[in-house]
C-alpha atoms as a PDB file:
ATOM      1  CA  UNK A   1     125.822  94.048 130.433  1.00  0.00           C
ATOM      2  CA  UNK A   2     127.101  96.990 128.799  1.00  0.00           C
ATOM      3  CA  UNK A   3     123.519  98.302 127.935  1.00  0.00           C
ATOM      4  CA  UNK A   4     122.104  97.519 131.383  1.00  0.00           C
ATOM      5  CA  UNK A   5     124.801 100.314 132.585  1.00  0.00           C
ATOM      6  CA  UNK A   6     123.232 102.977 130.078  1.00  0.00           C
ATOM      7  CA  UNK A   7     120.518 105.700 132.063  1.00  0.00           C
ATOM      8  CA  UNK A   8     117.246 106.331 130.463  1.00  0.00           C
ATOM      9  CA  UNK A   9     116.032 109.185 128.533  1.00  0.00           C
ATOM     10  CA  UNK A  10     112.850 110.953 129.037  1.00  0.00           C
ATOM     11  CA  UNK A  11     112.109 113.692 126.377  1.00  0.00           C
ATOM     12  CA  UNK A  12     109.100 115.537 127.419  1.00  0.00           C
ATOM     13  CA  UNK A  13     107.273 118.915 126.417  1.00  0.00           C
ATOM     14  CA  UNK A  14     107.755 122.727 127.092  1.00  0.00           C
ATOM     15  CA  UNK A  15     107.231 124.284 129.513  1.00  0.00           C
ATOM     16  CA  UNK A  16     107.879 120.540 131.278  1.00  0.00           C
ATOM     17  CA  UNK A  17     106.214 117.181 131.841  1.00  0.00           C
ATOM     18  CA  UNK A  18     103.098 116.883 133.309  1.00  0.00           C
ATOM     19  CA  UNK A  19     103.975 116.254 136.692  1.00  0.00           C
ATOM     20  CA  UNK A  20     102.543 112.784 137.321  1.00  0.00           C
ATOM     21  CA  UNK A  21     104.716 112.077 134.390  1.00  0.00           C
ATOM     22  CA  UNK A  22     107.434 113.692 135.826  1.00  0.00           C
ATOM     23  CA  UNK A  23     107.129 111.568 138.699  1.00  0.00           C
ATOM     24  CA  UNK A  24     107.154 108.350 136.670  1.00  0.00           C
ATOM     25  CA  UNK A  25     110.469 109.435 135.048  1.00  0.00           C
ATOM     26  CA  UNK A  26     112.496 110.105 138.179  1.00  0.00           C
ATOM     27  CA  UNK A  27     110.741 106.556 139.493  1.00  0.00           C
ATOM     28  CA  UNK A  28     112.826 104.835 136.801  1.00  0.00           C
ATOM     29  CA  UNK A  29     116.091 107.291 137.289  1.00  0.00           C
ATOM     30  CA  UNK A  30     115.520 109.116 133.956  1.00  0.00           C
ATOM     31  CA  UNK A  31     117.213 111.755 133.353  1.00  0.00           C
ATOM     32  CA  UNK A  32     114.783 114.701 131.378  1.00  0.00           C
ATOM     33  CA  UNK A  33     115.556 116.208 128.131  1.00  0.00           C
ATOM     34  CA  UNK A  34     112.962 118.691 126.082  1.00  0.00           C
ATOM     35  CA  UNK A  35     111.562 116.755 123.313  1.00  0.00           C
ATOM     36  CA  UNK A  36     112.859 120.034 120.994  1.00  0.00           C
ATOM     37  CA  UNK A  37     116.081 120.265 122.906  1.00  0.00           C
ATOM     38  CA  UNK A  38     117.855 120.854 119.905  1.00  0.00           C
ATOM     39  CA  UNK A  39     116.033 122.826 117.930  1.00  0.00           C
ATOM     40  CA  UNK A  40     112.898 124.503 119.963  1.00  0.00           C
ATOM     41  CA  UNK A  41     109.368 123.970 118.044  1.00  0.00           C
ATOM     42  CA  UNK A  42     107.119 122.514 120.613  1.00  0.00           C
ATOM     43  CA  UNK A  43     105.951 126.008 122.448  1.00  0.00           C
ATOM     44  CA  UNK A  44     106.268 128.600 119.529  1.00  0.00           C
ATOM     45  CA  UNK A  45     104.036 128.985 116.531  1.00  0.00           C
ATOM     46  CA  UNK A  46     106.274 128.154 113.194  1.00  0.00           C
ATOM     47  CA  UNK A  47     105.609 127.572 109.498  1.00  0.00           C
ATOM     48  CA  UNK A  48     104.652 123.587 108.802  1.00  0.00           C
ATOM     49  CA  UNK A  49     108.185 123.643 106.738  1.00  0.00           C
ATOM     50  CA  UNK A  50     110.067 125.232 109.740  1.00  0.00           C
ATOM     51  CA  UNK A  51     108.509 122.785 112.374  1.00  0.00           C
ATOM     52  CA  UNK A  52     109.160 119.643 110.041  1.00  0.00           C
ATOM     53  CA  UNK A  53     113.181 120.726 109.664  1.00  0.00           C
ATOM     54  CA  UNK A  54     113.064 121.169 113.563  1.00  0.00           C
ATOM     55  CA  UNK A  55     111.804 117.733 114.282  1.00  0.00           C
ATOM     56  CA  UNK A  56     114.162 116.092 111.871  1.00  0.00           C
ATOM     57  CA  UNK A  57     116.985 118.102 113.284  1.00  0.00           C
ATOM     58  CA  UNK A  58     116.274 117.085 116.855  1.00  0.00           C
ATOM     59  CA  UNK A  59     116.199 113.201 115.503  1.00  0.00           C
ATOM     60  CA  UNK A  60     119.570 113.863 114.205  1.00  0.00           C
ATOM     61  CA  UNK A  61     121.272 115.176 116.995  1.00  0.00           C
ATOM     62  CA  UNK A  62     119.941 113.192 119.999  1.00  0.00           C
ATOM     63  CA  UNK A  63     122.427 110.853 121.814  1.00  0.00           C
ATOM     64  CA  UNK A  64     120.450 107.345 121.250  1.00  0.00           C
ATOM     65  CA  UNK A  65     123.548 105.282 121.941  1.00  0.00           C
ATOM     66  CA  UNK A  66     124.423 106.965 125.183  1.00  0.00           C
ATOM     67  CA  UNK A  67     120.917 105.556 126.567  1.00  0.00           C
ATOM     68  CA  UNK A  68     119.277 102.432 127.332  1.00  0.00           C
ATOM     69  CA  UNK A  69     116.014 103.312 126.249  1.00  0.00           C
ATOM     70  CA  UNK A  70     114.185 106.664 125.681  1.00  0.00           C
ATOM     71  CA  UNK A  71     110.892 107.503 127.451  1.00  0.00           C
ATOM     72  CA  UNK A  72     109.129 109.801 125.645  1.00  0.00           C
ATOM     73  CA  UNK A  73     105.817 111.672 127.088  1.00  0.00           C
ATOM     74  CA  UNK A  74     103.089 111.273 123.992  1.00  0.00           C
ATOM     75  CA  UNK A  75     103.793 109.752 120.692  1.00  0.00           C
ATOM     76  CA  UNK A  76     105.945 112.506 119.520  1.00  0.00           C
ATOM     77  CA  UNK A  77     106.652 111.859 115.880  1.00  0.00           C
ATOM     78  CA  UNK A  78     110.627 111.760 115.615  1.00  0.00           C
ATOM     79  CA  UNK A  79     112.186 109.338 118.492  1.00  0.00           C
ATOM     80  CA  UNK A  80     110.792 106.094 117.313  1.00  0.00           C
ATOM     81  CA  UNK A  81     112.364 106.541 113.903  1.00  0.00           C
ATOM     82  CA  UNK A  82     116.004 107.300 115.448  1.00  0.00           C
ATOM     83  CA  UNK A  83     115.515 104.699 118.003  1.00  0.00           C
ATOM     84  CA  UNK A  84     115.078 102.190 115.144  1.00  0.00           C
ATOM     85  CA  UNK A  85     118.197 103.643 113.495  1.00  0.00           C
ATOM     86  CA  UNK A  86     120.196 103.406 116.369  1.00  0.00           C
ATOM     87  CA  UNK A  87     118.720 100.295 117.948  1.00  0.00           C
ATOM     88  CA  UNK A  88     117.438 101.758 121.413  1.00  0.00           C
ATOM     89  CA  UNK A  89     114.040 101.026 122.540  1.00  0.00           C
ATOM     90  CA  UNK A  90     111.691 103.877 122.439  1.00  0.00           C
ATOM     91  CA  UNK A  91     108.759 104.133 125.288  1.00  0.00           C
ATOM     92  CA  UNK A  92     105.602 105.987 124.451  1.00  0.00           C
ATOM     93  CA  UNK A  93     103.772 107.191 127.363  1.00  0.00           C
ATOM     94  CA  UNK A  94     100.205 107.731 126.173  1.00  0.00           C
ATOM     95  CA  UNK A  95      98.019 109.805 128.771  1.00  0.00           C
ATOM     96  CA  UNK A  96      96.562 112.384 126.237  1.00  0.00           C
ATOM     97  CA  UNK A  97      94.109 112.988 123.979  1.00  0.00           C
ATOM     98  CA  UNK A  98      95.841 111.464 120.640  1.00  0.00           C
ATOM     99  CA  UNK A  99      94.415 108.046 120.455  1.00  0.00           C
ATOM    100  CA  UNK A 100      90.654 109.331 120.739  1.00  0.00           C
ATOM    101  CA  UNK A 101      91.783 112.266 118.177  1.00  0.00           C
ATOM    102  CA  UNK A 102      92.701 109.773 115.560  1.00  0.00           C
ATOM    103  CA  UNK A 103      90.117 107.504 116.517  1.00  0.00           C
ATOM    104  CA  UNK A 104      87.505 110.739 116.360  1.00  0.00           C
ATOM    105  CA  UNK A 105      88.497 111.917 113.025  1.00  0.00           C
ATOM    106  CA  UNK A 106      89.719 114.754 114.564  1.00  0.00           C
ATOM    107  CA  UNK A 107      92.843 115.401 112.388  1.00  0.00           C
ATOM    108  CA  UNK A 108      93.676 115.705 108.821  1.00  0.00           C
ATOM    109  CA  UNK A 109      94.474 112.684 106.694  1.00  0.00           C
ATOM    110  CA  UNK A 110      98.023 113.794 106.465  1.00  0.00           C
ATOM    111  CA  UNK A 111      98.737 114.460 110.821  1.00  0.00           C
ATOM    112  CA  UNK A 112      96.640 111.131 111.276  1.00  0.00           C
ATOM    113  CA  UNK A 113      98.813 109.311 108.908  1.00  0.00           C
ATOM    114  CA  UNK A 114     101.918 110.443 110.108  1.00  0.00           C
ATOM    115  CA  UNK A 115     101.016 109.864 113.824  1.00  0.00           C
ATOM    116  CA  UNK A 116      99.988 106.139 112.999  1.00  0.00           C
ATOM    117  CA  UNK A 117     103.286 105.450 111.222  1.00  0.00           C
ATOM    118  CA  UNK A 118     105.422 106.848 114.367  1.00  0.00           C
ATOM    119  CA  UNK A 119     103.107 104.986 117.394  1.00  0.00           C
ATOM    120  CA  UNK A 120     103.400 101.392 115.171  1.00  0.00           C
ATOM    121  CA  UNK A 121     107.456 102.078 115.657  1.00  0.00           C
ATOM    122  CA  UNK A 122     107.488 102.810 119.000  1.00  0.00           C
ATOM    123  CA  UNK A 123     109.036  99.434 120.436  1.00  0.00           C
ATOM    124  CA  UNK A 124     106.021  99.867 123.967  1.00  0.00           C
ATOM    125  CA  UNK A 125     103.098 101.639 124.658  1.00  0.00           C
ATOM    126  CA  UNK A 126     103.187 102.672 128.114  1.00  0.00           C
ATOM    127  CA  UNK A 127      99.417 103.698 128.566  1.00  0.00           C
ATOM    128  CA  UNK A 128      97.507 105.286 131.094  1.00  0.00           C
ATOM    129  CA  UNK A 129      94.135 103.673 132.195  1.00  0.00           C
ATOM    130  CA  UNK A 130      92.472 100.742 130.266  1.00  0.00           C
ATOM    131  CA  UNK A 131      90.319 103.283 127.804  1.00  0.00           C
ATOM    132  CA  UNK A 132      94.002 104.143 126.316  1.00  0.00           C
ATOM    133  CA  UNK A 133      94.804 100.384 125.918  1.00  0.00           C
ATOM    134  CA  UNK A 134      91.251 100.143 124.349  1.00  0.00           C
ATOM    135  CA  UNK A 135      91.949 102.625 121.684  1.00  0.00           C
ATOM    136  CA  UNK A 136      95.619 101.403 120.723  1.00  0.00           C
ATOM    137  CA  UNK A 137      94.351  98.197 119.666  1.00  0.00           C
ATOM    138  CA  UNK A 138      91.726  99.130 118.206  1.00  0.00           C
ATOM    139  CA  UNK A 139      93.991 102.051 115.790  1.00  0.00           C
ATOM    140  CA  UNK A 140      96.874 100.003 115.365  1.00  0.00           C
ATOM    141  CA  UNK A 141      95.709  96.223 115.273  1.00  0.00           C
ATOM    142  CA  UNK A 142      97.985  93.829 114.497  1.00  0.00           C
ATOM    143  CA  UNK A 143     100.681  96.427 113.931  1.00  0.00           C
ATOM    144  CA  UNK A 144     100.435  97.860 117.749  1.00  0.00           C
ATOM    145  CA  UNK A 145     103.436  97.433 119.758  1.00  0.00           C
ATOM    146  CA  UNK A 146     103.354  95.677 122.689  1.00  0.00           C
ATOM    147  CA  UNK A 147     100.792  97.546 125.481  1.00  0.00           C
ATOM    148  CA  UNK A 148     101.493  97.951 129.258  1.00  0.00           C
ATOM    149  CA  UNK A 149      98.624  99.595 131.212  1.00  0.00           C
ATOM    150  CA  UNK A 150      99.209 101.878 134.269  1.00  0.00           C
ATOM    151  CA  UNK A 151      97.090 104.446 136.088  1.00  0.00           C
ATOM    152  CA  UNK A 152      97.202 108.344 137.859  1.00  0.00           C
ATOM    153  CA  UNK A 153      96.915 108.350 141.424  1.00  0.00           C
ATOM    154  CA  UNK A 154      96.247 111.827 143.830  1.00  0.00           C
ATOM    155  CA  UNK A 155      99.193 112.869 146.203  1.00  0.00           C
ATOM    156  CA  UNK A 156      99.198 111.376 149.063  1.00  0.00           C
ATOM    157  CA  UNK A 157      99.111 115.086 150.844  1.00  0.00           C
ATOM    158  CA  UNK A 158      96.284 116.158 148.720  1.00  0.00           C
ATOM    159  CA  UNK A 159      94.236 112.901 149.922  1.00  0.00           C
ATOM    160  CA  UNK A 160      94.437 113.891 153.651  1.00  0.00           C
ATOM    161  CA  UNK A 161      92.963 117.390 152.716  1.00  0.00           C
ATOM    162  CA  UNK A 162      90.269 115.810 150.650  1.00  0.00           C
ATOM    163  CA  UNK A 163      89.776 112.986 153.412  1.00  0.00           C
ATOM    164  CA  UNK A 164      88.659 115.513 155.932  1.00  0.00           C
ATOM    165  CA  UNK A 165      85.640 116.967 153.636  1.00  0.00           C
ATOM    166  CA  UNK A 166      82.143 115.627 154.455  1.00  0.00           C
ATOM    167  CA  UNK A 167      79.898 117.011 151.473  1.00  0.00           C
ATOM    168  CA  UNK A 168      76.499 117.519 152.300  1.00  0.00           C
ATOM    169  CA  UNK A 169      75.573 116.371 148.630  1.00  0.00           C
ATOM    170  CA  UNK A 170      72.225 118.054 148.786  1.00  0.00           C
ATOM    171  CA  UNK A 171      71.951 121.125 146.722  1.00  0.00           C
ATOM    172  CA  UNK A 172      72.071 120.607 142.928  1.00  0.00           C
ATOM    173  CA  UNK A 173      75.346 121.955 142.457  1.00  0.00           C
ATOM    174  CA  UNK A 174      77.152 119.833 139.608  1.00  0.00           C
ATOM    175  CA  UNK A 175      81.109 120.866 139.461  1.00  0.00           C
ATOM    176  CA  UNK A 176      83.491 120.664 136.384  1.00  0.00           C
ATOM    177  CA  UNK A 177      87.597 120.975 136.854  1.00  0.00           C
ATOM    178  CA  UNK A 178      89.769 121.795 133.800  1.00  0.00           C
ATOM    179  CA  UNK A 179      91.907 124.142 132.064  1.00  0.00           C
ATOM    180  CA  UNK A 180      91.627 124.693 128.696  1.00  0.00           C
ATOM    181  CA  UNK A 181      92.666 128.027 126.272  1.00  0.00           C
ATOM    182  CA  UNK A 182      92.359 127.092 122.691  1.00  0.00           C
ATOM    183  CA  UNK A 183      88.506 124.977 121.157  1.00  0.00           C
ATOM    184  CA  UNK A 184      90.402 121.930 120.852  1.00  0.00           C
ATOM    185  CA  UNK A 185      90.548 121.972 124.706  1.00  0.00           C
ATOM    186  CA  UNK A 186      86.925 122.517 125.224  1.00  0.00           C
ATOM    187  CA  UNK A 187      86.360 119.644 122.965  1.00  0.00           C
ATOM    188  CA  UNK A 188      88.530 116.863 124.604  1.00  0.00           C
ATOM    189  CA  UNK A 189      87.300 118.270 128.271  1.00  0.00           C
ATOM    190  CA  UNK A 190      83.875 118.209 127.076  1.00  0.00           C
ATOM    191  CA  UNK A 191      83.243 121.487 128.279  1.00  0.00           C
ATOM    192  CA  UNK A 192      80.793 122.141 125.653  1.00  0.00           C
ATOM    193  CA  UNK A 193      78.610 119.053 126.802  1.00  0.00           C
ATOM    194  CA  UNK A 194      78.947 119.921 129.951  1.00  0.00           C
ATOM    195  CA  UNK A 195      77.533 123.783 129.088  1.00  0.00           C
ATOM    196  CA  UNK A 196      74.492 121.977 127.039  1.00  0.00           C
ATOM    197  CA  UNK A 197      73.886 119.580 129.721  1.00  0.00           C
ATOM    198  CA  UNK A 198      73.654 122.441 132.127  1.00  0.00           C
ATOM    199  CA  UNK A 199      71.075 123.961 129.899  1.00  0.00           C
ATOM    200  CA  UNK A 200      68.644 120.984 129.574  1.00  0.00           C
ATOM    201  CA  UNK A 201      68.831 120.363 133.218  1.00  0.00           C
ATOM    202  CA  UNK A 202      67.352 123.366 133.848  1.00  0.00           C
ATOM    203  CA  UNK A 203      63.896 122.953 132.522  1.00  0.00           C
ATOM    204  CA  UNK A 204      63.959 119.833 135.052  1.00  0.00           C
ATOM    205  CA  UNK A 205      65.746 121.177 137.845  1.00  0.00           C
ATOM    206  CA  UNK A 206      65.222 124.979 138.088  1.00  0.00           C
ATOM    207  CA  UNK A 207      67.453 125.519 141.466  1.00  0.00           C
ATOM    208  CA  UNK A 208      70.559 123.601 139.666  1.00  0.00           C
ATOM    209  CA  UNK A 209      73.824 125.348 139.219  1.00  0.00           C
ATOM    210  CA  UNK A 210      76.999 124.414 137.406  1.00  0.00           C
ATOM    211  CA  UNK A 211      80.278 125.287 138.552  1.00  0.00           C
ATOM    212  CA  UNK A 212      83.483 125.370 136.490  1.00  0.00           C
ATOM    213  CA  UNK A 213      87.062 125.776 137.921  1.00  0.00           C
ATOM    214  CA  UNK A 214      89.657 125.970 135.874  1.00  0.00           C
ATOM    215  CA  UNK A 215      91.646 128.546 133.428  1.00  0.00           C
ATOM    216  CA  UNK A 216      89.402 128.925 130.161  1.00  0.00           C
ATOM    217  CA  UNK A 217      90.232 132.166 127.692  1.00  0.00           C
ATOM    218  CA  UNK A 218      87.734 134.490 128.202  1.00  0.00           C
ATOM    219  CA  UNK A 219      86.756 133.986 124.477  1.00  0.00           C
ATOM    220  CA  UNK A 220      85.502 130.527 124.849  1.00  0.00           C
ATOM    221  CA  UNK A 221      83.510 131.334 127.926  1.00  0.00           C
ATOM    222  CA  UNK A 222      81.616 133.997 125.957  1.00  0.00           C
ATOM    223  CA  UNK A 223      81.155 131.387 122.705  1.00  0.00           C
ATOM    224  CA  UNK A 224      79.545 128.792 124.807  1.00  0.00           C
ATOM    225  CA  UNK A 225      77.451 131.012 127.022  1.00  0.00           C
ATOM    226  CA  UNK A 226      75.752 132.826 123.707  1.00  0.00           C
ATOM    227  CA  UNK A 227      75.550 129.372 122.457  1.00  0.00           C
ATOM    228  CA  UNK A 228      74.064 128.336 125.196  1.00  0.00           C
ATOM    229  CA  UNK A 229      72.459 131.436 127.198  1.00  0.00           C
ATOM    230  CA  UNK A 230      69.829 129.143 129.269  1.00  0.00           C
ATOM    231  CA  UNK A 231      72.928 127.423 131.104  1.00  0.00           C
ATOM    232  CA  UNK A 232      73.575 128.215 134.813  1.00  0.00           C
ATOM    233  CA  UNK A 233      76.857 128.008 134.515  1.00  0.00           C
ATOM    234  CA  UNK A 234      79.553 130.174 136.696  1.00  0.00           C
ATOM    235  CA  UNK A 235      83.094 130.144 135.699  1.00  0.00           C
ATOM    236  CA  UNK A 236      85.119 130.498 139.129  1.00  0.00           C
ATOM    237  CA  UNK A 237      88.359 130.550 137.460  1.00  0.00           C
ATOM    238  CA  UNK A 238      91.723 128.472 138.732  1.00  0.00           C
ATOM    239  CA  UNK A 239      91.607 127.448 142.225  1.00  0.00           C
ATOM    240  CA  UNK A 240      94.461 126.369 144.361  1.00  0.00           C
ATOM    241  CA  UNK A 241      92.395 125.077 147.122  1.00  0.00           C
ATOM    242  CA  UNK A 242      89.365 123.159 146.189  1.00  0.00           C
ATOM    243  CA  UNK A 243      87.956 121.752 149.289  1.00  0.00           C
ATOM    244  CA  UNK A 244      85.833 124.426 150.145  1.00  0.00           C
ATOM    245  CA  UNK A 245      84.533 124.160 146.561  1.00  0.00           C
ATOM    246  CA  UNK A 246      84.360 120.207 146.458  1.00  0.00           C
ATOM    247  CA  UNK A 247      82.786 120.442 149.996  1.00  0.00           C
ATOM    248  CA  UNK A 248      79.649 122.177 148.276  1.00  0.00           C
ATOM    249  CA  UNK A 249      79.134 120.180 145.083  1.00  0.00           C
ATOM    250  CA  UNK A 250      76.565 117.594 145.217  1.00  0.00           C
ATOM    251  CA  UNK A 251      78.265 115.479 141.408  1.00  0.00           C
ATOM    252  CA  UNK A 252      81.182 115.825 139.886  1.00  0.00           C
ATOM    253  CA  UNK A 253      80.535 115.618 136.492  1.00  0.00           C
ATOM    254  CA  UNK A 254      82.994 115.199 133.699  1.00  0.00           C
ATOM    255  CA  UNK A 255      81.892 114.668 129.590  1.00  0.00           C
ATOM    256  CA  UNK A 256      85.501 113.823 128.154  1.00  0.00           C
ATOM    257  CA  UNK A 257      86.209 113.547 124.912  1.00  0.00           C
ATOM    258  CA  UNK A 258      89.025 111.223 125.125  1.00  0.00           C
ATOM    259  CA  UNK A 259      90.141 113.031 128.295  1.00  0.00           C
ATOM    260  CA  UNK A 260      93.001 110.681 129.697  1.00  0.00           C
ATOM    261  CA  UNK A 261      92.676 110.028 132.714  1.00  0.00           C
ATOM    262  CA  UNK A 262      91.695 113.280 134.833  1.00  0.00           C
ATOM    263  CA  UNK A 263      93.143 113.403 138.303  1.00  0.00           C
ATOM    264  CA  UNK A 264      90.383 116.003 138.771  1.00  0.00           C
ATOM    265  CA  UNK A 265      87.831 112.710 138.692  1.00  0.00           C
ATOM    266  CA  UNK A 266      89.735 110.902 141.196  1.00  0.00           C
ATOM    267  CA  UNK A 267      90.067 113.853 143.584  1.00  0.00           C
ATOM    268  CA  UNK A 268      86.359 114.527 143.410  1.00  0.00           C
ATOM    269  CA  UNK A 269      85.867 110.763 144.208  1.00  0.00           C
ATOM    270  CA  UNK A 270      88.785 111.241 146.974  1.00  0.00           C
ATOM    271  CA  UNK A 271      86.399 114.116 148.733  1.00  0.00           C
ATOM    272  CA  UNK A 272      83.018 111.869 148.979  1.00  0.00           C
ATOM    273  CA  UNK A 273      81.293 113.784 145.826  1.00  0.00           C
ATOM    274  CA  UNK A 274      79.916 111.014 143.399  1.00  0.00           C
ATOM    275  CA  UNK A 275      81.470 111.493 139.784  1.00  0.00           C
ATOM    276  CA  UNK A 276      79.479 110.784 136.590  1.00  0.00           C
ATOM    277  CA  UNK A 277      81.700 110.446 134.010  1.00  0.00           C
ATOM    278  CA  UNK A 278      81.297 109.895 129.668  1.00  0.00           C
ATOM    279  CA  UNK A 279      82.456 106.441 127.991  1.00  0.00           C
ATOM    280  CA  UNK A 280      84.981 108.407 127.014  1.00  0.00           C
ATOM    281  CA  UNK A 281      86.674 109.294 130.196  1.00  0.00           C
ATOM    282  CA  UNK A 282      90.540 107.814 131.144  1.00  0.00           C
ATOM    283  CA  UNK A 283      88.963 107.717 134.878  1.00  0.00           C
ATOM    284  CA  UNK A 284      85.731 105.711 134.085  1.00  0.00           C
ATOM    285  CA  UNK A 285      87.234 102.173 134.723  1.00  0.00           C
ATOM    286  CA  UNK A 286      87.720 103.789 138.852  1.00  0.00           C
ATOM    287  CA  UNK A 287      83.981 105.464 138.833  1.00  0.00           C
ATOM    288  CA  UNK A 288      82.713 101.604 136.838  1.00  0.00           C
ATOM    289  CA  UNK A 289      83.927  99.996 140.434  1.00  0.00           C
ATOM    290  CA  UNK A 290      82.357 102.502 142.283  1.00  0.00           C
ATOM    291  CA  UNK A 291      78.459 102.978 140.209  1.00  0.00           C
ATOM    292  CA  UNK A 292      78.305 101.664 137.233  1.00  0.00           C
ATOM    293  CA  UNK A 293      75.563 104.106 136.219  1.00  0.00           C
ATOM    294  CA  UNK A 294      78.111 107.044 136.581  1.00  0.00           C
ATOM    295  CA  UNK A 295      79.646 105.880 133.072  1.00  0.00           C
ATOM    296  CA  UNK A 296      77.414 106.919 130.148  1.00  0.00           C
ATOM    297  CA  UNK A 297      78.066 107.371 126.413  1.00  0.00           C
ATOM    298  CA  UNK A 298      78.427 111.001 124.826  1.00  0.00           C
ATOM    299  CA  UNK A 299      75.131 112.275 124.537  1.00  0.00           C
ATOM    300  CA  UNK A 300      73.592 115.372 125.933  1.00  0.00           C
ATOM    301  CA  UNK A 301      70.192 113.648 126.191  1.00  0.00           C
ATOM    302  CA  UNK A 302      71.612 110.950 128.084  1.00  0.00           C
ATOM    303  CA  UNK A 303      73.525 112.577 130.444  1.00  0.00           C
ATOM    304  CA  UNK A 304      70.816 115.011 131.417  1.00  0.00           C
ATOM    305  CA  UNK A 305      68.747 111.863 132.001  1.00  0.00           C
ATOM    306  CA  UNK A 306      71.493 110.056 134.166  1.00  0.00           C
ATOM    307  CA  UNK A 307      72.184 113.620 136.037  1.00  0.00           C
ATOM    308  CA  UNK A 308      68.254 113.281 136.798  1.00  0.00           C
ATOM    309  CA  UNK A 309      68.148 109.817 137.685  1.00  0.00           C
ATOM    310  CA  UNK A 310      71.257 110.796 140.302  1.00  0.00           C
ATOM    311  CA  UNK A 311      69.133 113.436 142.076  1.00  0.00           C
ATOM    312  CA  UNK A 312      66.204 111.510 142.374  1.00  0.00           C
ATOM    313  CA  UNK A 313      68.117 109.170 144.613  1.00  0.00           C
ATOM    314  CA  UNK A 314      67.786 109.659 148.334  1.00  0.00           C
ATOM    315  CA  UNK A 315      70.482 111.633 149.832  1.00  0.00           C
ATOM    316  CA  UNK A 316      71.387 108.715 152.058  1.00  0.00           C
ATOM    317  CA  UNK A 317      72.210 106.908 148.989  1.00  0.00           C
ATOM    318  CA  UNK A 318      74.138 109.604 147.317  1.00  0.00           C
ATOM    319  CA  UNK A 319      76.288 110.122 150.278  1.00  0.00           C
ATOM    320  CA  UNK A 320      77.179 106.006 150.007  1.00  0.00           C
ATOM    321  CA  UNK A 321      78.081 106.007 146.369  1.00  0.00           C
ATOM    322  CA  UNK A 322      80.170 109.271 147.497  1.00  0.00           C
ATOM    323  CA  UNK A 323      81.865 107.353 150.330  1.00  0.00           C
ATOM    324  CA  UNK A 324      82.493 103.846 148.348  1.00  0.00           C
ATOM    325  CA  UNK A 325      84.301 106.288 146.300  1.00  0.00           C
ATOM    326  CA  UNK A 326      86.227 107.905 148.425  1.00  0.00           C
ATOM    327  CA  UNK A 327      87.739 104.481 150.215  1.00  0.00           C
ATOM    328  CA  UNK A 328      88.364 102.991 146.642  1.00  0.00           C
ATOM    329  CA  UNK A 329      90.702 106.274 145.565  1.00  0.00           C
ATOM    330  CA  UNK A 330      92.344 106.280 149.277  1.00  0.00           C
ATOM    331  CA  UNK A 331      93.216 102.572 149.083  1.00  0.00           C
ATOM    332  CA  UNK A 332      94.232 101.903 145.323  1.00  0.00           C
ATOM    333  CA  UNK A 333      94.724 105.042 143.456  1.00  0.00           C
ATOM    334  CA  UNK A 334      97.552 107.207 145.663  1.00  0.00           C
ATOM    335  CA  UNK A 335     100.046 108.781 143.544  1.00  0.00           C
ATOM    336  CA  UNK A 336     102.765 105.920 145.700  1.00  0.00           C
ATOM    337  CA  UNK A 337     100.654 103.379 144.250  1.00  0.00           C
ATOM    338  CA  UNK A 338     100.870 105.094 140.248  1.00  0.00           C
ATOM    339  CA  UNK A 339     104.255 104.915 140.654  1.00  0.00           C
ATOM    340  CA  UNK A 340     104.981 101.897 141.621  1.00  0.00           C
ATOM    341  CA  UNK A 341     102.671 100.281 138.970  1.00  0.00           C
ATOM    342  CA  UNK A 342     104.695 102.459 136.508  1.00  0.00           C
ATOM    343  CA  UNK A 343     107.763 101.268 137.329  1.00  0.00           C
ATOM    344  CA  UNK A 344     106.463  97.824 137.310  1.00  0.00           C
ATOM    345  CA  UNK A 345     105.703  97.963 133.686  1.00  0.00           C
ATOM    346  CA  UNK A 346     108.405 100.082 132.543  1.00  0.00           C
ATOM    347  CA  UNK A 347     110.611  97.230 133.749  1.00  0.00           C
ATOM    348  CA  UNK A 348     108.766  94.286 132.909  1.00  0.00           C
ATOM    349  CA  UNK A 349     108.706  96.205 128.969  1.00  0.00           C
ATOM    350  CA  UNK A 350     112.081  96.764 129.431  1.00  0.00           C
ATOM    351  CA  UNK A 351     113.174  93.218 130.019  1.00  0.00           C
ATOM    352  CA  UNK A 352     111.313  92.210 127.263  1.00  0.00           C
ATOM    353  CA  UNK A 353     112.929  94.459 124.843  1.00  0.00           C
ATOM    354  CA  UNK A 354     116.284  93.508 125.923  1.00  0.00           C
ATOM    355  CA  UNK A 355     115.336  89.569 126.231  1.00  0.00           C
END
């Protein structure tokens, strides 16, 4: 009874949590705290020794006993160890690149070892999407904590505007939406594959154009265009209102490598633009329900062929795919529905921990 009267803590990254994660945390009544609340490290460059010391200091200083449970944005290393020491359950909200990068061998052996040790010590994994659940079970095996699966959704005010769009889907304009300032983000989002596939497509579809919306470092843009000089790709920069861009696109293409559950995929579908994604893009489960051929392996050649098959379809069939996607997102993948699902799995997990 005493534990039930205590609040929930939410530990998040800087400068703040992802908007969807923040909405999840507010829905369960959590109080917000930076993961480096006592000694800052999360968003500043530091020597490894100082960073590790600050991890330990945050772990030592956090007042676990004030809380019924601690919800953590991502698989941060120190919270589960402190939670075990003080007997307070810790829940990791997994909706990022970590699990895929562990599978792909992206980290060095010490980082990999440390992350696996930490993730195993969380009491619960609240994962966003079936892809994350699959990766967690594959990586952790019998030592995997209980896994509960949620999803992301599109804000209702966005859905209202997107629902009014009627893209023609005729001109071969292929869209990619995402942000990245470092090379690992290019890898994670699959932007390099997008540019490579656009270069391959040009030989078969000379009028094709690839549009990239989002903040990307100029150095990354220049490196990609030097590598694939024939790629017909335009970097449009960030756009607050994407309706005009979506209205001109014939296909949304997202070849992610562990892209957790990109809301951009859902927004494109909500606008009636068919989406084609890699098998390691979290929103694949939504695309699969609409158009099974829209989920493809991480292969530039295979992706090129899949896009050519799409553009060989009659425009009426493309529109039918787009309308099925629109209906599915508007009826099953709203932000309110995602929040309700998160509330349900959080309280289910908490009850199991306290049983």
